[in-house]
Amino acid sequence: SVPATADTAGFTRQVDAAATGAGVTL
């Protein structure tokens, strides 16, 4: 939830998964 690094790549994967699950286009 609150990592020790920025981890933008991991957050990008999270956004992709949410967009796919909701059926929207990022």
mmCIF file of all heavy atoms, coordinates in Angstrom:
data_MODEL
# 
_entry.id   MODEL 
# 
loop_
_atom_site.group_PDB 
_atom_site.id 
_atom_site.type_symbol 
_atom_site.label_atom_id 
_atom_site.label_alt_id 
_atom_site.label_comp_id 
_atom_site.label_asym_id 
_atom_site.label_entity_id 
_atom_site.label_seq_id 
_atom_site.pdbx_PDB_ins_code 
_atom_site.Cartn_x 
_atom_site.Cartn_y 
_atom_site.Cartn_z 
_atom_site.occupancy 
_atom_site.B_iso_or_equiv 
_atom_site.pdbx_formal_charge 
_atom_site.auth_seq_id 
_atom_site.auth_comp_id 
_atom_site.auth_asym_id 
_atom_site.auth_atom_id 
_atom_site.pdbx_PDB_model_num 
ATOM 1   N N   . SER A 1 1  ? 0.821   -1.206 0.000   1.00 0.00 ? 1  SER A N   1 
ATOM 2   C CA  . SER A 1 1  ? 0.000   0.000  0.000   1.00 0.00 ? 1  SER A CA  1 
ATOM 3   C C   . SER A 1 1  ? 0.855   1.256  0.000   1.00 0.00 ? 1  SER A C   1 
ATOM 4   O O   . SER A 1 1  ? 0.598   2.205  -0.747  1.00 0.00 ? 1  SER A O   1 
ATOM 5   C CB  . SER A 1 1  ? -0.934  -0.008 1.207   1.00 0.00 ? 1  SER A CB  1 
ATOM 6   O OG  . SER A 1 1  ? -1.717  1.153  1.258   1.00 0.00 ? 1  SER A OG  1 
ATOM 7   N N   . VAL A 1 2  ? 1.875   1.275  0.850   1.00 0.00 ? 2  VAL A N   1 
ATOM 8   C CA  . VAL A 1 2  ? 2.795   2.420  0.928   1.00 0.00 ? 2  VAL A CA  1 
ATOM 9   C C   . VAL A 1 2  ? 4.209   1.865  0.880   1.00 0.00 ? 2  VAL A C   1 
ATOM 10  O O   . VAL A 1 2  ? 4.788   1.549  1.928   1.00 0.00 ? 2  VAL A O   1 
ATOM 11  C CB  . VAL A 1 2  ? 2.561   3.250  2.205   1.00 0.00 ? 2  VAL A CB  1 
ATOM 12  C CG1 . VAL A 1 2  ? 3.473   4.474  2.205   1.00 0.00 ? 2  VAL A CG1 1 
ATOM 13  C CG2 . VAL A 1 2  ? 1.114   3.676  2.328   1.00 0.00 ? 2  VAL A CG2 1 
ATOM 14  N N   . PRO A 1 3  ? 4.785   1.712  -0.307  1.00 0.00 ? 3  PRO A N   1 
ATOM 15  C CA  . PRO A 1 3  ? 6.105   1.078  -0.422  1.00 0.00 ? 3  PRO A CA  1 
ATOM 16  C C   . PRO A 1 3  ? 7.223   2.034  -0.014  1.00 0.00 ? 3  PRO A C   1 
ATOM 17  O O   . PRO A 1 3  ? 6.999   3.228  0.236   1.00 0.00 ? 3  PRO A O   1 
ATOM 18  C CB  . PRO A 1 3  ? 6.187   0.727  -1.905  1.00 0.00 ? 3  PRO A CB  1 
ATOM 19  C CG  . PRO A 1 3  ? 5.321   1.741  -2.579  1.00 0.00 ? 3  PRO A CG  1 
ATOM 20  C CD  . PRO A 1 3  ? 4.200   2.034  -1.626  1.00 0.00 ? 3  PRO A CD  1 
ATOM 21  N N   . ALA A 1 4  ? 8.432   1.477  0.020   1.00 0.00 ? 4  ALA A N   1 
ATOM 22  C CA  . ALA A 1 4  ? 9.608   2.269  0.379   1.00 0.00 ? 4  ALA A CA  1 
ATOM 23  C C   . ALA A 1 4  ? 10.250  2.931  -0.836  1.00 0.00 ? 4  ALA A C   1 
ATOM 24  O O   . ALA A 1 4  ? 11.184  3.712  -0.679  1.00 0.00 ? 4  ALA A O   1 
ATOM 25  C CB  . ALA A 1 4  ? 10.634  1.390  1.092   1.00 0.00 ? 4  ALA A CB  1 
ATOM 26  N N   . THR A 1 5  ? 9.768   2.626  -2.034  1.00 0.00 ? 5  THR A N   1 
ATOM 27  C CA  . THR A 1 5  ? 10.269  3.258  -3.256  1.00 0.00 ? 5  THR A CA  1 
ATOM 28  C C   . THR A 1 5  ? 9.086   3.757  -4.068  1.00 0.00 ? 5  THR A C   1 
ATOM 29  O O   . THR A 1 5  ? 7.932   3.373  -3.812  1.00 0.00 ? 5  THR A O   1 
ATOM 30  C CB  . THR A 1 5  ? 11.083  2.266  -4.100  1.00 0.00 ? 5  THR A CB  1 
ATOM 31  O OG1 . THR A 1 5  ? 10.246  1.152  -4.456  1.00 0.00 ? 5  THR A OG1 1 
ATOM 32  C CG2 . THR A 1 5  ? 12.299  1.763  -3.324  1.00 0.00 ? 5  THR A CG2 1 
ATOM 33  N N   . ALA A 1 6  ? 9.373   4.581  -5.070  1.00 0.00 ? 6  ALA A N   1 
ATOM 34  C CA  . ALA A 1 6  ? 8.286   5.121  -5.893  1.00 0.00 ? 6  ALA A CA  1 
ATOM 35  C C   . ALA A 1 6  ? 7.555   4.023  -6.648  1.00 0.00 ? 6  ALA A C   1 
ATOM 36  O O   . ALA A 1 6  ? 6.323   4.049  -6.766  1.00 0.00 ? 6  ALA A O   1 
ATOM 37  C CB  . ALA A 1 6  ? 8.844   6.159  -6.877  1.00 0.00 ? 6  ALA A CB  1 
ATOM 38  N N   . ASP A 1 7  ? 8.267   3.038  -7.201  1.00 0.00 ? 7  ASP A N   1 
ATOM 39  C CA  . ASP A 1 7  ? 7.684   1.874  -7.882  1.00 0.00 ? 7  ASP A CA  1 
ATOM 40  C C   . ASP A 1 7  ? 6.600   2.301  -8.877  1.00 0.00 ? 7  ASP A C   1 
ATOM 41  O O   . ASP A 1 7  ? 5.464   1.833  -8.826  1.00 0.00 ? 7  ASP A O   1 
ATOM 42  C CB  . ASP A 1 7  ? 7.113   0.894  -6.861  1.00 0.00 ? 7  ASP A CB  1 
ATOM 43  C CG  . ASP A 1 7  ? 6.748   -0.447 -7.503  1.00 0.00 ? 7  ASP A CG  1 
ATOM 44  O OD1 . ASP A 1 7  ? 7.252   -0.736 -8.602  1.00 0.00 ? 7  ASP A OD1 1 
ATOM 45  O OD2 . ASP A 1 7  ? 5.930   -1.182 -6.914  1.00 0.00 ? 7  ASP A OD2 1 
ATOM 46  N N   . THR A 1 8  ? 6.952   3.198  -9.776  1.00 0.00 ? 8  THR A N   1 
ATOM 47  C CA  . THR A 1 8  ? 5.982   3.654  -10.774 1.00 0.00 ? 8  THR A CA  1 
ATOM 48  C C   . THR A 1 8  ? 5.591   2.532  -11.736 1.00 0.00 ? 8  THR A C   1 
ATOM 49  O O   . THR A 1 8  ? 4.461   2.505  -12.232 1.00 0.00 ? 8  THR A O   1 
ATOM 50  C CB  . THR A 1 8  ? 6.567   4.828  -11.563 1.00 0.00 ? 8  THR A CB  1 
ATOM 51  O OG1 . THR A 1 8  ? 7.827   4.451  -12.131 1.00 0.00 ? 8  THR A OG1 1 
ATOM 52  C CG2 . THR A 1 8  ? 6.768   6.028  -10.655 1.00 0.00 ? 8  THR A CG2 1 
ATOM 53  N N   . ALA A 1 9  ? 6.510   1.589  -11.990 1.00 0.00 ? 9  ALA A N   1 
ATOM 54  C CA  . ALA A 1 9  ? 6.184   0.480  -12.884 1.00 0.00 ? 9  ALA A CA  1 
ATOM 55  C C   . ALA A 1 9  ? 5.092   -0.399 -12.279 1.00 0.00 ? 9  ALA A C   1 
ATOM 56  O O   . ALA A 1 9  ? 4.147   -0.810 -12.964 1.00 0.00 ? 9  ALA A O   1 
ATOM 57  C CB  . ALA A 1 9  ? 7.433   -0.345 -13.176 1.00 0.00 ? 9  ALA A CB  1 
ATOM 58  N N   . GLY A 1 10 ? 5.205   -0.676 -10.980 1.00 0.00 ? 10 GLY A N   1 
ATOM 59  C CA  . GLY A 1 10 ? 4.182   -1.470 -10.324 1.00 0.00 ? 10 GLY A CA  1 
ATOM 60  C C   . GLY A 1 10 ? 2.836   -0.764 -10.296 1.00 0.00 ? 10 GLY A C   1 
ATOM 61  O O   . GLY A 1 10 ? 1.787   -1.387 -10.495 1.00 0.00 ? 10 GLY A O   1 
ATOM 62  N N   . PHE A 1 11 ? 2.852   0.552  -10.067 1.00 0.00 ? 11 PHE A N   1 
ATOM 63  C CA  . PHE A 1 11 ? 1.592   1.291  -10.067 1.00 0.00 ? 11 PHE A CA  1 
ATOM 64  C C   . PHE A 1 11 ? 0.990   1.342  -11.471 1.00 0.00 ? 11 PHE A C   1 
ATOM 65  O O   . PHE A 1 11 ? -0.233  1.317  -11.635 1.00 0.00 ? 11 PHE A O   1 
ATOM 66  C CB  . PHE A 1 11 ? 1.819   2.712  -9.543  1.00 0.00 ? 11 PHE A CB  1 
ATOM 67  C CG  . PHE A 1 11 ? 0.558   3.514  -9.415  1.00 0.00 ? 11 PHE A CG  1 
ATOM 68  C CD1 . PHE A 1 11 ? -0.335  3.273  -8.395  1.00 0.00 ? 11 PHE A CD1 1 
ATOM 69  C CD2 . PHE A 1 11 ? 0.257   4.513  -10.330 1.00 0.00 ? 11 PHE A CD2 1 
ATOM 70  C CE1 . PHE A 1 11 ? -1.505  4.013  -8.266  1.00 0.00 ? 11 PHE A CE1 1 
ATOM 71  C CE2 . PHE A 1 11 ? -0.910  5.259  -10.219 1.00 0.00 ? 11 PHE A CE2 1 
ATOM 72  C CZ  . PHE A 1 11 ? -1.791  5.000  -9.178  1.00 0.00 ? 11 PHE A CZ  1 
ATOM 73  N N   . THR A 1 12 ? 1.841   1.397  -12.487 1.00 0.00 ? 12 THR A N   1 
ATOM 74  C CA  . THR A 1 12 ? 1.341   1.381  -13.872 1.00 0.00 ? 12 THR A CA  1 
ATOM 75  C C   . THR A 1 12 ? 0.624   0.075  -14.170 1.00 0.00 ? 12 THR A C   1 
ATOM 76  O O   . THR A 1 12 ? -0.440  0.066  -14.801 1.00 0.00 ? 12 THR A O   1 
ATOM 77  C CB  . THR A 1 12 ? 2.515   1.591  -14.844 1.00 0.00 ? 12 THR A CB  1 
ATOM 78  O OG1 . THR A 1 12 ? 3.141   2.847  -14.585 1.00 0.00 ? 12 THR A OG1 1 
ATOM 79  C CG2 . THR A 1 12 ? 2.025   1.569  -16.284 1.00 0.00 ? 12 THR A CG2 1 
ATOM 80  N N   . ARG A 1 13 ? 1.193   -1.034 -13.709 1.00 0.00 ? 13 ARG A N   1 
ATOM 81  C CA  . ARG A 1 13 ? 0.516   -2.322 -13.890 1.00 0.00 ? 13 ARG A CA  1 
ATOM 82  C C   . ARG A 1 13 ? -0.823  -2.349 -13.157 1.00 0.00 ? 13 ARG A C   1 
ATOM 83  O O   . ARG A 1 13 ? -1.800  -2.925 -13.647 1.00 0.00 ? 13 ARG A O   1 
ATOM 84  C CB  . ARG A 1 13 ? 1.421   -3.460 -13.407 1.00 0.00 ? 13 ARG A CB  1 
ATOM 85  C CG  . ARG A 1 13 ? 2.636   -3.710 -14.299 1.00 0.00 ? 13 ARG A CG  1 
ATOM 86  C CD  . ARG A 1 13 ? 3.343   -4.990 -13.911 1.00 0.00 ? 13 ARG A CD  1 
ATOM 87  N NE  . ARG A 1 13 ? 3.918   -4.903 -12.575 1.00 0.00 ? 13 ARG A NE  1 
ATOM 88  C CZ  . ARG A 1 13 ? 5.151   -4.488 -12.304 1.00 0.00 ? 13 ARG A CZ  1 
ATOM 89  N NH1 . ARG A 1 13 ? 5.945   -4.098 -13.297 1.00 0.00 ? 13 ARG A NH1 1 
ATOM 90  N NH2 . ARG A 1 13 ? 5.598   -4.456 -11.067 1.00 0.00 ? 13 ARG A NH2 1 
ATOM 91  N N   . GLN A 1 14 ? -0.869  -1.724 -11.998 1.00 0.00 ? 14 GLN A N   1 
ATOM 92  C CA  . GLN A 1 14 ? -2.119  -1.652 -11.242 1.00 0.00 ? 14 GLN A CA  1 
ATOM 93  C C   . GLN A 1 14 ? -3.174  -0.845 -12.008 1.00 0.00 ? 14 GLN A C   1 
ATOM 94  O O   . GLN A 1 14 ? -4.345  -1.228 -12.059 1.00 0.00 ? 14 GLN A O   1 
ATOM 95  C CB  . GLN A 1 14 ? -1.856  -1.011 -9.875  1.00 0.00 ? 14 GLN A CB  1 
ATOM 96  C CG  . GLN A 1 14 ? -3.077  -0.783 -9.032  1.00 0.00 ? 14 GLN A CG  1 
ATOM 97  C CD  . GLN A 1 14 ? -2.723  -0.217 -7.670  1.00 0.00 ? 14 GLN A CD  1 
ATOM 98  O OE1 . GLN A 1 14 ? -1.903  -0.769 -6.939  1.00 0.00 ? 14 GLN A OE1 1 
ATOM 99  N NE2 . GLN A 1 14 ? -3.340  0.898  -7.314  1.00 0.00 ? 14 GLN A NE2 1 
ATOM 100 N N   . VAL A 1 15 ? -2.764  0.264  -12.617 1.00 0.00 ? 15 VAL A N   1 
ATOM 101 C CA  . VAL A 1 15 ? -3.692  1.078  -13.407 1.00 0.00 ? 15 VAL A CA  1 
ATOM 102 C C   . VAL A 1 15 ? -4.181  0.292  -14.617 1.00 0.00 ? 15 VAL A C   1 
ATOM 103 O O   . VAL A 1 15 ? -5.374  0.324  -14.966 1.00 0.00 ? 15 VAL A O   1 
ATOM 104 C CB  . VAL A 1 15 ? -3.016  2.397  -13.838 1.00 0.00 ? 15 VAL A CB  1 
ATOM 105 C CG1 . VAL A 1 15 ? -3.929  3.203  -14.754 1.00 0.00 ? 15 VAL A CG1 1 
ATOM 106 C CG2 . VAL A 1 15 ? -2.652  3.234  -12.613 1.00 0.00 ? 15 VAL A CG2 1 
ATOM 107 N N   . ASP A 1 16 ? -3.280  -0.423 -15.288 1.00 0.00 ? 16 ASP A N   1 
ATOM 108 C CA  . ASP A 1 16 ? -3.673  -1.244 -16.437 1.00 0.00 ? 16 ASP A CA  1 
ATOM 109 C C   . ASP A 1 16 ? -4.705  -2.293 -16.036 1.00 0.00 ? 16 ASP A C   1 
ATOM 110 O O   . ASP A 1 16 ? -5.693  -2.520 -16.743 1.00 0.00 ? 16 ASP A O   1 
ATOM 111 C CB  . ASP A 1 16 ? -2.444  -1.914 -17.041 1.00 0.00 ? 16 ASP A CB  1 
ATOM 112 C CG  . ASP A 1 16 ? -1.650  -0.969 -17.927 1.00 0.00 ? 16 ASP A CG  1 
ATOM 113 O OD1 . ASP A 1 16 ? -2.237  -0.001 -18.424 1.00 0.00 ? 16 ASP A OD1 1 
ATOM 114 O OD2 . ASP A 1 16 ? -0.443  -1.202 -18.104 1.00 0.00 ? 16 ASP A OD2 1 
ATOM 115 N N   . ALA A 1 17 ? -4.470  -2.954 -14.894 1.00 0.00 ? 17 ALA A N   1 
ATOM 116 C CA  . ALA A 1 17 ? -5.397  -3.992 -14.442 1.00 0.00 ? 17 ALA A CA  1 
ATOM 117 C C   . ALA A 1 17 ? -6.768  -3.394 -14.123 1.00 0.00 ? 17 ALA A C   1 
ATOM 118 O O   . ALA A 1 17 ? -7.810  -3.979 -14.451 1.00 0.00 ? 17 ALA A O   1 
ATOM 119 C CB  . ALA A 1 17 ? -4.829  -4.708 -13.220 1.00 0.00 ? 17 ALA A CB  1 
ATOM 120 N N   . ALA A 1 18 ? -6.778  -2.222 -13.484 1.00 0.00 ? 18 ALA A N   1 
ATOM 121 C CA  . ALA A 1 18 ? -8.055  -1.580 -13.165 1.00 0.00 ? 18 ALA A CA  1 
ATOM 122 C C   . ALA A 1 18 ? -8.788  -1.156 -14.428 1.00 0.00 ? 18 ALA A C   1 
ATOM 123 O O   . ALA A 1 18 ? -10.018 -1.288 -14.528 1.00 0.00 ? 18 ALA A O   1 
ATOM 124 C CB  . ALA A 1 18 ? -7.819  -0.375 -12.257 1.00 0.00 ? 18 ALA A CB  1 
ATOM 125 N N   . ALA A 1 19 ? -8.054  -0.634 -15.423 1.00 0.00 ? 19 ALA A N   1 
ATOM 126 C CA  . ALA A 1 19 ? -8.680  -0.219 -16.677 1.00 0.00 ? 19 ALA A CA  1 
ATOM 127 C C   . ALA A 1 19 ? -9.255  -1.424 -17.420 1.00 0.00 ? 19 ALA A C   1 
ATOM 128 O O   . ALA A 1 19 ? -10.372 -1.375 -17.956 1.00 0.00 ? 19 ALA A O   1 
ATOM 129 C CB  . ALA A 1 19 ? -7.671  0.514  -17.553 1.00 0.00 ? 19 ALA A CB  1 
ATOM 130 N N   . THR A 1 20 ? -8.528  -2.530 -17.432 1.00 0.00 ? 20 THR A N   1 
ATOM 131 C CA  . THR A 1 20 ? -9.015  -3.736 -18.099 1.00 0.00 ? 20 THR A CA  1 
ATOM 132 C C   . THR A 1 20 ? -10.253 -4.280 -17.395 1.00 0.00 ? 20 THR A C   1 
ATOM 133 O O   . THR A 1 20 ? -11.234 -4.673 -18.037 1.00 0.00 ? 20 THR A O   1 
ATOM 134 C CB  . THR A 1 20 ? -7.916  -4.804 -18.132 1.00 0.00 ? 20 THR A CB  1 
ATOM 135 O OG1 . THR A 1 20 ? -6.765  -4.280 -18.809 1.00 0.00 ? 20 THR A OG1 1 
ATOM 136 C CG2 . THR A 1 20 ? -8.393  -6.054 -18.843 1.00 0.00 ? 20 THR A CG2 1 
ATOM 137 N N   . GLY A 1 21 ? -10.227 -4.300 -16.061 1.00 0.00 ? 21 GLY A N   1 
ATOM 138 C CA  . GLY A 1 21 ? -11.363 -4.813 -15.317 1.00 0.00 ? 21 GLY A CA  1 
ATOM 139 C C   . GLY A 1 21 ? -12.612 -3.959 -15.465 1.00 0.00 ? 21 GLY A C   1 
ATOM 140 O O   . GLY A 1 21 ? -13.733 -4.480 -15.483 1.00 0.00 ? 21 GLY A O   1 
ATOM 141 N N   . ALA A 1 22 ? -12.433 -2.635 -15.593 1.00 0.00 ? 22 ALA A N   1 
ATOM 142 C CA  . ALA A 1 22 ? -13.579 -1.737 -15.728 1.00 0.00 ? 22 ALA A CA  1 
ATOM 143 C C   . ALA A 1 22 ? -14.034 -1.582 -17.170 1.00 0.00 ? 22 ALA A C   1 
ATOM 144 O O   . ALA A 1 22 ? -15.092 -0.993 -17.431 1.00 0.00 ? 22 ALA A O   1 
ATOM 145 C CB  . ALA A 1 22 ? -13.240 -0.360 -15.144 1.00 0.00 ? 22 ALA A CB  1 
ATOM 146 N N   . GLY A 1 23 ? -13.243 -2.044 -18.122 1.00 0.00 ? 23 GLY A N   1 
ATOM 147 C CA  . GLY A 1 23 ? -13.605 -1.936 -19.527 1.00 0.00 ? 23 GLY A CA  1 
ATOM 148 C C   . GLY A 1 23 ? -13.392 -0.552 -20.107 1.00 0.00 ? 23 GLY A C   1 
ATOM 149 O O   . GLY A 1 23 ? -14.070 -0.162 -21.065 1.00 0.00 ? 23 GLY A O   1 
ATOM 150 N N   . VAL A 1 24 ? -12.448 0.215  -19.564 1.00 0.00 ? 24 VAL A N   1 
ATOM 151 C CA  . VAL A 1 24 ? -12.147 1.545  -20.086 1.00 0.00 ? 24 VAL A CA  1 
ATOM 152 C C   . VAL A 1 24 ? -10.808 1.498  -20.801 1.00 0.00 ? 24 VAL A C   1 
ATOM 153 O O   . VAL A 1 24 ? -10.031 0.546  -20.654 1.00 0.00 ? 24 VAL A O   1 
ATOM 154 C CB  . VAL A 1 24 ? -12.125 2.599  -18.952 1.00 0.00 ? 24 VAL A CB  1 
ATOM 155 C CG1 . VAL A 1 24 ? -13.467 2.651  -18.241 1.00 0.00 ? 24 VAL A CG1 1 
ATOM 156 C CG2 . VAL A 1 24 ? -11.008 2.298  -17.953 1.00 0.00 ? 24 VAL A CG2 1 
ATOM 157 N N   . THR A 1 25 ? -10.528 2.548  -21.563 1.00 0.00 ? 25 THR A N   1 
ATOM 158 C CA  . THR A 1 25 ? -9.274  2.639  -22.310 1.00 0.00 ? 25 THR A CA  1 
ATOM 159 C C   . THR A 1 25 ? -8.376  3.681  -21.655 1.00 0.00 ? 25 THR A C   1 
ATOM 160 O O   . THR A 1 25 ? -8.756  4.856  -21.536 1.00 0.00 ? 25 THR A O   1 
ATOM 161 C CB  . THR A 1 25 ? -9.527  3.033  -23.769 1.00 0.00 ? 25 THR A CB  1 
ATOM 162 O OG1 . THR A 1 25 ? -10.388 2.057  -24.373 1.00 0.00 ? 25 THR A OG1 1 
ATOM 163 C CG2 . THR A 1 25 ? -8.223  3.093  -24.554 1.00 0.00 ? 25 THR A CG2 1 
ATOM 164 N N   . LEU A 1 26 ? -7.215  3.248  -21.223 1.00 0.00 ? 26 LEU A N   1 
ATOM 165 C CA  . LEU A 1 26 ? -6.259  4.157  -20.613 1.00 0.00 ? 26 LEU A CA  1 
ATOM 166 C C   . LEU A 1 26 ? -5.563  4.962  -21.703 1.00 0.00 ? 26 LEU A C   1 
ATOM 167 O O   . LEU A 1 26 ? -4.978  4.408  -22.621 1.00 0.00 ? 26 LEU A O   1 
ATOM 168 C CB  . LEU A 1 26 ? -5.229  3.373  -19.795 1.00 0.00 ? 26 LEU A CB  1 
ATOM 169 C CG  . LEU A 1 26 ? -4.140  4.182  -19.097 1.00 0.00 ? 26 LEU A CG  1 
ATOM 170 C CD1 . LEU A 1 26 ? -4.730  5.092  -18.047 1.00 0.00 ? 26 LEU A CD1 1 
ATOM 171 C CD2 . LEU A 1 26 ? -3.133  3.218  -18.458 1.00 0.00 ? 26 LEU A CD2 1 
# 
